[in-house]
Protein backbone atom coordinates (compact mmCIF):
# COMPACT_ATOMS: atom_id res chain seq x y z
CA MET A 1 -47.24 -218.86 3.60
CA ARG A 2 -49.58 -216.12 4.79
CA ARG A 3 -51.27 -213.74 1.87
CA TYR A 4 -52.98 -211.31 2.75
CA ARG A 5 -56.34 -209.76 1.00
CA ARG A 6 -58.40 -206.43 1.29
CA ASN A 7 -60.59 -207.24 3.76
CA PRO A 8 -64.48 -207.33 1.26
CA GLN A 9 -66.79 -205.76 4.39
CA THR A 10 -64.47 -202.52 3.74
CA ALA A 11 -65.07 -199.75 1.37
CA GLY A 12 -62.30 -198.07 -0.32
CA ARG A 13 -60.38 -195.55 -2.83
CA VAL A 14 -57.45 -194.29 -3.74
CA ILE A 15 -57.12 -190.61 -4.28
CA ASP A 16 -54.41 -189.05 -4.79
CA GLY A 17 -51.71 -191.57 -4.38
CA GLN A 18 -53.65 -192.04 -0.27
CA ALA A 19 -55.84 -194.46 0.29
CA PHE A 20 -58.94 -193.68 2.25
CA ILE A 21 -60.51 -197.04 3.84
CA VAL A 22 -63.95 -197.24 6.09
CA THR A 23 -64.07 -200.46 8.10
CA PRO A 24 -67.85 -201.59 8.57
CA ASP A 25 -67.64 -203.11 12.32
CA ASP A 26 -66.34 -199.42 14.02
CA ASN A 27 -67.29 -197.50 10.95
CA LYS A 28 -63.93 -195.92 11.31
CA LEU A 29 -62.36 -194.04 8.19
CA HIS A 30 -58.51 -194.78 8.05
CA THR A 31 -56.43 -192.80 5.81
CA LEU A 32 -53.13 -194.72 4.76
CA ASN A 33 -49.70 -193.01 3.97
CA GLY A 34 -47.89 -193.55 0.62
CA ALA A 35 -46.61 -197.73 1.89
CA ALA A 36 -49.56 -198.65 3.04
CA THR A 37 -51.55 -197.52 0.45
CA GLN A 38 -49.18 -199.29 -1.68
CA LEU A 39 -49.44 -202.53 -0.39
CA TRP A 40 -53.51 -202.36 0.29
CA VAL A 41 -53.80 -201.50 -4.11
CA LEU A 42 -51.57 -205.08 -3.95
CA ALA A 43 -53.33 -206.68 -1.64
CA LYS A 44 -56.77 -206.58 -4.51
CA ASP A 45 -55.61 -209.71 -5.86
CA GLY A 46 -53.25 -211.28 -2.95
CA LEU A 47 -49.66 -211.14 -1.57
CA SER A 48 -47.39 -212.43 0.75
CA GLU A 49 -44.89 -210.69 2.97
CA ASP A 50 -42.40 -211.61 0.12
CA ASP A 51 -44.36 -209.91 -2.25
CA ALA A 52 -45.00 -206.72 -0.14
CA ALA A 53 -40.98 -206.55 0.75
CA THR A 54 -39.95 -206.49 -2.98
CA ALA A 55 -42.60 -203.93 -3.64
CA LEU A 56 -41.18 -201.62 -0.79
CA CYS A 57 -37.81 -202.09 -1.94
CA ALA A 58 -38.64 -201.00 -5.81
CA GLU A 59 -40.77 -198.13 -4.72
CA TYR A 60 -38.73 -196.76 -1.67
CA GLU A 61 -34.71 -198.08 -2.18
CA ILE A 62 -34.52 -199.76 1.06
CA ASP A 63 -32.65 -202.91 1.48
CA ARG A 64 -34.49 -205.85 1.64
CA GLU A 65 -34.13 -206.73 5.78
CA THR A 66 -35.58 -203.22 6.00
CA ALA A 67 -38.31 -203.60 3.58
CA ALA A 68 -39.36 -207.00 4.62
CA ARG A 69 -39.73 -205.53 8.72
CA ASP A 70 -41.58 -202.84 7.71
CA ALA A 71 -43.67 -204.65 5.33
CA THR A 72 -44.49 -207.23 8.26
CA ALA A 73 -45.29 -204.69 10.49
CA CYS A 74 -47.36 -202.71 8.04
CA LEU A 75 -49.61 -205.90 7.41
CA ASP A 76 -50.02 -207.06 10.42
CA ASP A 77 -51.16 -203.62 11.60
CA MET A 78 -54.02 -203.38 8.39
CA VAL A 79 -54.88 -206.96 10.09
CA ALA A 80 -55.71 -205.98 13.38
CA ARG A 81 -57.25 -202.41 11.84
CA GLN A 82 -59.61 -205.09 9.67
CA ILE A 83 -58.64 -203.75 6.84
CA LEU A 84 -56.82 -206.44 5.40
CA VAL A 85 -57.38 -210.14 6.41
CA ALA A 86 -54.99 -213.08 7.10
CA GLU A 87 -55.39 -216.64 5.20
């Protein structure tokens, strides 16, 4: 099972419930929406796709299938942008 963690080379901060992340390779500032911010915060200690789906279900009161699909898409996007790393 893949685990997602914050990319240790990024710098980030949450301000008023929204994460702002700077990736070092391209020096870009990424502004995350509420769901992505929640997953980025949880990724500090590592999380699985199942953990992410559970968190989204609890926060947004959506069904498990939708949460799992959205969580996977969000995690994959953050890995592609080098905000998170997958292990």
